[in-house]
Amino acid sequence: MEKLISCCGLNCAACEARIATINNDDELRKATAEKWKTLYNVPEMSPSMINCTGCREEGAKLGHWSMCQIRVCAASKGFNTCGECKDLEECSLISGVLKFSPETLVNLKSLN
């Protein structure tokens, strides 16, 4: 499977939002919006908001992208991903992602 690792280590290639965007799949946008409403506690999530090519790729971004503290922190340090940071495993910003999705740490470490 293709890997497209985000700043925080998530694999954007496997993300339903990216897949829906790349394939212009409105049914997948709708299903993803419904799923994310509950999963991420975002009741206002709509299919039109599901439009993203990945945080490190050119193109559309989810609304959260511009204010993602993890991405902003990595960029402010001149890093492509958090995998370049010596404080990765102790970082309070990324700790929630690492706990929610343990494969992110493996993904980040595989880039170095």
N, C-alpha and C. Protein backbone atom coordinates (compact mmCIF):
# COMPACT_ATOMS: atom_id res chain seq x y z
N MET A 1 0.84 -1.18 0.00
CA MET A 1 0.00 0.00 0.00
C MET A 1 0.88 1.25 0.00
N GLU A 2 0.47 2.20 -0.78
CA GLU A 2 1.18 3.49 -0.84
C GLU A 2 1.15 4.16 0.53
N LYS A 3 2.23 4.86 0.84
CA LYS A 3 2.26 5.64 2.07
C LYS A 3 2.54 7.09 1.70
N LEU A 4 1.81 7.97 2.33
CA LEU A 4 1.96 9.40 2.17
C LEU A 4 1.85 9.96 3.58
N ILE A 5 2.98 10.11 4.25
CA ILE A 5 2.99 10.40 5.68
C ILE A 5 2.82 11.90 5.94
N SER A 6 1.87 12.19 6.81
CA SER A 6 1.57 13.57 7.20
C SER A 6 2.59 14.06 8.24
N CYS A 7 2.48 15.31 8.61
CA CYS A 7 3.36 15.89 9.64
C CYS A 7 3.33 15.07 10.92
N CYS A 8 2.15 14.61 11.31
CA CYS A 8 1.98 13.89 12.57
C CYS A 8 2.15 12.39 12.44
N GLY A 9 2.37 11.89 11.23
CA GLY A 9 2.61 10.47 11.04
C GLY A 9 1.45 9.68 10.50
N LEU A 10 0.29 10.29 10.37
CA LEU A 10 -0.84 9.57 9.78
C LEU A 10 -0.53 9.31 8.31
N ASN A 11 -1.07 8.22 7.78
CA ASN A 11 -0.86 7.88 6.38
C ASN A 11 -2.00 8.48 5.55
N CYS A 12 -1.74 9.60 4.93
CA CYS A 12 -2.77 10.27 4.14
C CYS A 12 -3.26 9.42 2.97
N ALA A 13 -2.41 8.53 2.46
CA ALA A 13 -2.81 7.67 1.34
C ALA A 13 -4.00 6.78 1.72
N ALA A 14 -4.14 6.48 3.01
CA ALA A 14 -5.23 5.63 3.48
C ALA A 14 -6.42 6.44 4.01
N CYS A 15 -6.32 7.74 4.00
CA CYS A 15 -7.37 8.60 4.56
C CYS A 15 -8.57 8.69 3.62
N GLU A 16 -9.75 8.49 4.19
CA GLU A 16 -10.97 8.53 3.40
C GLU A 16 -11.20 9.90 2.76
N ALA A 17 -10.80 10.96 3.43
CA ALA A 17 -10.98 12.30 2.86
C ALA A 17 -10.11 12.48 1.62
N ARG A 18 -8.87 12.03 1.70
CA ARG A 18 -7.97 12.14 0.54
C ARG A 18 -8.46 11.26 -0.60
N ILE A 19 -8.86 10.05 -0.29
CA ILE A 19 -9.35 9.14 -1.32
C ILE A 19 -10.58 9.73 -2.01
N ALA A 20 -11.49 10.28 -1.23
CA ALA A 20 -12.69 10.91 -1.81
C ALA A 20 -12.32 12.10 -2.69
N THR A 21 -11.34 12.88 -2.25
CA THR A 21 -10.90 14.04 -3.02
C THR A 21 -10.25 13.63 -4.33
N ILE A 22 -9.29 12.72 -4.25
CA ILE A 22 -8.56 12.28 -5.43
C ILE A 22 -9.50 11.64 -6.46
N ASN A 23 -10.47 10.89 -5.97
CA ASN A 23 -11.41 10.19 -6.87
C ASN A 23 -12.68 10.99 -7.15
N ASN A 24 -12.78 12.18 -6.56
CA ASN A 24 -14.00 12.99 -6.69
C ASN A 24 -15.24 12.15 -6.39
N ASP A 25 -15.20 11.47 -5.26
CA ASP A 25 -16.22 10.50 -4.86
C ASP A 25 -17.16 11.13 -3.82
N ASP A 26 -18.29 11.64 -4.27
CA ASP A 26 -19.22 12.31 -3.37
C ASP A 26 -19.87 11.37 -2.38
N GLU A 27 -20.06 10.11 -2.74
CA GLU A 27 -20.63 9.14 -1.80
C GLU A 27 -19.66 8.89 -0.64
N LEU A 28 -18.38 8.79 -0.94
CA LEU A 28 -17.38 8.60 0.11
C LEU A 28 -17.26 9.86 0.97
N ARG A 29 -17.38 11.04 0.35
CA ARG A 29 -17.39 12.29 1.12
C ARG A 29 -18.53 12.28 2.13
N LYS A 30 -19.70 11.88 1.66
CA LYS A 30 -20.88 11.85 2.53
C LYS A 30 -20.68 10.86 3.67
N ALA A 31 -20.22 9.66 3.36
CA ALA A 31 -20.00 8.64 4.39
C ALA A 31 -18.93 9.07 5.38
N THR A 32 -17.87 9.69 4.88
CA THR A 32 -16.78 10.16 5.75
C THR A 32 -17.27 11.27 6.67
N ALA A 33 -18.03 12.19 6.14
CA ALA A 33 -18.58 13.28 6.97
C ALA A 33 -19.43 12.71 8.10
N GLU A 34 -20.28 11.75 7.78
CA GLU A 34 -21.13 11.14 8.80
C GLU A 34 -20.30 10.44 9.87
N LYS A 35 -19.31 9.70 9.44
CA LYS A 35 -18.43 8.99 10.37
C LYS A 35 -17.66 9.97 11.25
N TRP A 36 -17.10 11.02 10.67
CA TRP A 36 -16.27 11.97 11.41
C TRP A 36 -17.08 12.84 12.35
N LYS A 37 -18.36 13.05 12.06
CA LYS A 37 -19.22 13.81 12.98
C LYS A 37 -19.15 13.22 14.37
N THR A 38 -19.25 11.91 14.43
CA THR A 38 -19.22 11.19 15.71
C THR A 38 -17.80 10.96 16.20
N LEU A 39 -16.96 10.42 15.32
CA LEU A 39 -15.60 10.05 15.70
C LEU A 39 -14.80 11.23 16.26
N TYR A 40 -14.94 12.40 15.63
CA TYR A 40 -14.17 13.57 16.06
C TYR A 40 -15.02 14.64 16.74
N ASN A 41 -16.28 14.29 17.02
CA ASN A 41 -17.20 15.20 17.70
C ASN A 41 -17.29 16.56 16.99
N VAL A 42 -17.60 16.48 15.69
CA VAL A 42 -17.75 17.68 14.87
C VAL A 42 -19.13 17.60 14.21
N PRO A 43 -20.18 17.97 14.97
CA PRO A 43 -21.54 17.82 14.45
C PRO A 43 -21.82 18.62 13.18
N GLU A 44 -21.06 19.67 12.94
CA GLU A 44 -21.29 20.50 11.75
C GLU A 44 -20.57 19.97 10.50
N MET A 45 -19.88 18.84 10.61
CA MET A 45 -19.15 18.26 9.47
C MET A 45 -20.12 17.95 8.34
N SER A 46 -19.77 18.41 7.14
CA SER A 46 -20.61 18.15 5.97
C SER A 46 -19.76 17.56 4.86
N PRO A 47 -20.39 16.92 3.89
CA PRO A 47 -19.62 16.35 2.78
C PRO A 47 -18.76 17.38 2.04
N SER A 48 -19.23 18.61 1.96
CA SER A 48 -18.44 19.65 1.27
C SER A 48 -17.15 19.98 1.99
N MET A 49 -17.06 19.62 3.25
CA MET A 49 -15.85 19.88 4.03
C MET A 49 -14.81 18.78 3.83
N ILE A 50 -15.21 17.68 3.24
CA ILE A 50 -14.32 16.54 3.00
C ILE A 50 -13.63 16.76 1.66
N ASN A 51 -12.52 17.47 1.71
CA ASN A 51 -11.79 17.83 0.50
C ASN A 51 -10.35 18.09 0.89
N CYS A 52 -9.47 17.09 0.69
CA CYS A 52 -8.09 17.21 1.14
C CYS A 52 -7.18 16.30 0.32
N THR A 53 -6.01 16.80 -0.02
CA THR A 53 -5.03 15.98 -0.75
C THR A 53 -3.91 15.50 0.17
N GLY A 54 -3.93 15.93 1.43
CA GLY A 54 -2.89 15.56 2.39
C GLY A 54 -2.15 16.81 2.84
N CYS A 55 -1.73 16.84 4.08
CA CYS A 55 -1.18 18.08 4.63
C CYS A 55 0.18 18.47 4.04
N ARG A 56 0.89 17.51 3.45
CA ARG A 56 2.20 17.84 2.88
C ARG A 56 2.19 17.82 1.36
N GLU A 57 1.00 17.76 0.77
CA GLU A 57 0.84 17.73 -0.68
C GLU A 57 0.19 19.02 -1.16
N GLU A 58 0.43 19.38 -2.40
CA GLU A 58 -0.25 20.52 -3.01
C GLU A 58 -1.73 20.19 -3.14
N GLY A 59 -2.56 21.20 -3.08
CA GLY A 59 -3.98 21.00 -3.32
C GLY A 59 -4.84 21.31 -2.11
N ALA A 60 -6.05 20.84 -2.17
CA ALA A 60 -7.07 21.12 -1.15
C ALA A 60 -6.66 20.60 0.22
N LYS A 61 -7.11 21.32 1.24
CA LYS A 61 -6.83 20.95 2.63
C LYS A 61 -8.12 20.99 3.44
N LEU A 62 -8.19 20.12 4.45
CA LEU A 62 -9.29 20.20 5.40
C LEU A 62 -9.19 21.53 6.14
N GLY A 63 -10.28 22.05 6.62
CA GLY A 63 -10.30 23.34 7.32
C GLY A 63 -9.36 23.38 8.51
N HIS A 64 -9.16 22.25 9.16
CA HIS A 64 -8.30 22.17 10.34
C HIS A 64 -6.83 22.41 10.00
N TRP A 65 -6.44 22.20 8.75
CA TRP A 65 -5.04 22.26 8.33
C TRP A 65 -4.37 23.57 8.75
N SER A 66 -5.01 24.68 8.51
CA SER A 66 -4.38 25.98 8.77
C SER A 66 -4.10 26.22 10.25
N MET A 67 -4.86 25.57 11.12
CA MET A 67 -4.67 25.80 12.55
C MET A 67 -4.16 24.56 13.30
N CYS A 68 -3.74 23.55 12.57
CA CYS A 68 -3.23 22.33 13.20
C CYS A 68 -1.93 22.66 13.94
N GLN A 69 -1.96 22.58 15.24
CA GLN A 69 -0.80 22.95 16.06
C GLN A 69 0.39 22.05 15.79
N ILE A 70 0.15 20.81 15.47
CA ILE A 70 1.24 19.89 15.18
C ILE A 70 1.96 20.32 13.90
N ARG A 71 1.20 20.59 12.84
CA ARG A 71 1.78 21.02 11.57
C ARG A 71 2.49 22.36 11.72
N VAL A 72 1.87 23.29 12.44
CA VAL A 72 2.46 24.61 12.66
C VAL A 72 3.78 24.49 13.42
N CYS A 73 3.81 23.64 14.44
CA CYS A 73 5.03 23.44 15.22
C CYS A 73 6.15 22.87 14.35
N ALA A 74 5.84 21.82 13.60
CA ALA A 74 6.86 21.21 12.73
C ALA A 74 7.39 22.23 11.73
N ALA A 75 6.50 22.98 11.11
CA ALA A 75 6.91 23.98 10.13
C ALA A 75 7.76 25.08 10.76
N SER A 76 7.41 25.48 11.98
CA SER A 76 8.16 26.55 12.64
C SER A 76 9.59 26.13 12.96
N LYS A 77 9.80 24.81 13.06
CA LYS A 77 11.15 24.28 13.34
C LYS A 77 11.88 23.90 12.05
N GLY A 78 11.20 24.11 10.92
CA GLY A 78 11.80 23.77 9.63
C GLY A 78 11.74 22.28 9.31
N PHE A 79 10.85 21.54 9.97
CA PHE A 79 10.73 20.10 9.77
C PHE A 79 9.61 19.80 8.77
N ASN A 80 9.79 18.73 8.00
CA ASN A 80 8.72 18.23 7.14
C ASN A 80 7.71 17.45 7.95
N THR A 81 8.20 16.71 8.95
CA THR A 81 7.33 15.92 9.83
C THR A 81 7.88 15.99 11.25
N CYS A 82 7.08 15.53 12.18
CA CYS A 82 7.51 15.46 13.57
C CYS A 82 8.60 14.41 13.78
N GLY A 83 8.78 13.53 12.81
CA GLY A 83 9.81 12.52 12.90
C GLY A 83 11.21 13.10 12.96
N GLU A 84 11.37 14.34 12.56
CA GLU A 84 12.68 15.01 12.59
C GLU A 84 12.99 15.62 13.95
N CYS A 85 12.01 15.64 14.84
CA CYS A 85 12.16 16.31 16.13
C CYS A 85 12.71 15.35 17.19
N LYS A 86 13.72 15.80 17.91
CA LYS A 86 14.31 14.96 18.96
C LYS A 86 13.35 14.74 20.12
N ASP A 87 12.34 15.57 20.26
CA ASP A 87 11.37 15.47 21.35
C ASP A 87 10.10 14.71 20.97
N LEU A 88 10.12 14.03 19.84
CA LEU A 88 8.93 13.37 19.30
C LEU A 88 8.16 12.55 20.35
N GLU A 89 8.82 11.65 21.02
CA GLU A 89 8.11 10.74 21.91
C GLU A 89 7.69 11.37 23.23
N GLU A 90 8.19 12.55 23.55
CA GLU A 90 7.81 13.25 24.79
C GLU A 90 6.89 14.44 24.52
N CYS A 91 6.59 14.69 23.26
CA CYS A 91 5.84 15.90 22.86
C CYS A 91 4.36 15.82 23.26
N SER A 92 3.90 16.84 23.96
CA SER A 92 2.49 16.88 24.37
C SER A 92 1.56 17.19 23.19
N LEU A 93 2.06 17.88 22.17
CA LEU A 93 1.22 18.20 21.02
C LEU A 93 0.82 16.95 20.24
N ILE A 94 1.75 16.05 20.03
CA ILE A 94 1.48 14.88 19.20
C ILE A 94 1.06 13.65 20.01
N SER A 95 1.12 13.74 21.32
CA SER A 95 0.84 12.57 22.17
C SER A 95 -0.54 11.96 21.90
N GLY A 96 -1.53 12.78 21.66
CA GLY A 96 -2.87 12.26 21.38
C GLY A 96 -2.93 11.46 20.10
N VAL A 97 -2.23 11.91 19.07
CA VAL A 97 -2.19 11.19 17.80
C VAL A 97 -1.48 9.86 18.00
N LEU A 98 -0.35 9.89 18.70
CA LEU A 98 0.42 8.66 18.94
C LEU A 98 -0.39 7.64 19.73
N LYS A 99 -1.20 8.13 20.66
CA LYS A 99 -2.04 7.22 21.47
C LYS A 99 -3.21 6.68 20.64
N PHE A 100 -3.85 7.55 19.88
CA PHE A 100 -5.01 7.19 19.06
C PHE A 100 -4.61 6.26 17.91
N SER A 101 -3.42 6.49 17.38
CA SER A 101 -2.97 5.77 16.19
C SER A 101 -1.49 5.39 16.33
N PRO A 102 -1.21 4.31 17.06
CA PRO A 102 0.19 3.94 17.35
C PRO A 102 1.08 3.77 16.12
N GLU A 103 0.50 3.42 14.98
CA GLU A 103 1.33 3.24 13.77
C GLU A 103 1.96 4.55 13.30
N THR A 104 1.46 5.68 13.81
CA THR A 104 2.04 6.95 13.40
C THR A 104 3.50 7.07 13.82
N LEU A 105 3.84 6.55 14.99
CA LEU A 105 5.23 6.61 15.45
C LEU A 105 6.12 5.78 14.52
N VAL A 106 5.66 4.61 14.13
CA VAL A 106 6.39 3.76 13.20
C VAL A 106 6.56 4.49 11.87
N ASN A 107 5.49 5.11 11.38
CA ASN A 107 5.55 5.85 10.12
C ASN A 107 6.59 6.97 10.19
N LEU A 108 6.57 7.74 11.26
CA LEU A 108 7.50 8.86 11.41
C LEU A 108 8.95 8.38 11.49
N LYS A 109 9.17 7.32 12.24
CA LYS A 109 10.53 6.79 12.40
C LYS A 109 11.04 6.18 11.09
N SER A 110 10.14 5.69 10.26
CA SER A 110 10.55 5.07 8.99
C SER A 110 11.04 6.09 7.98
N LEU A 111 10.74 7.36 8.21
CA LEU A 111 11.15 8.42 7.28
C LEU A 111 12.60 8.84 7.50
N ASN A 112 13.17 8.51 8.63
CA ASN A 112 14.53 8.95 8.94
C ASN A 112 15.57 7.91 8.56
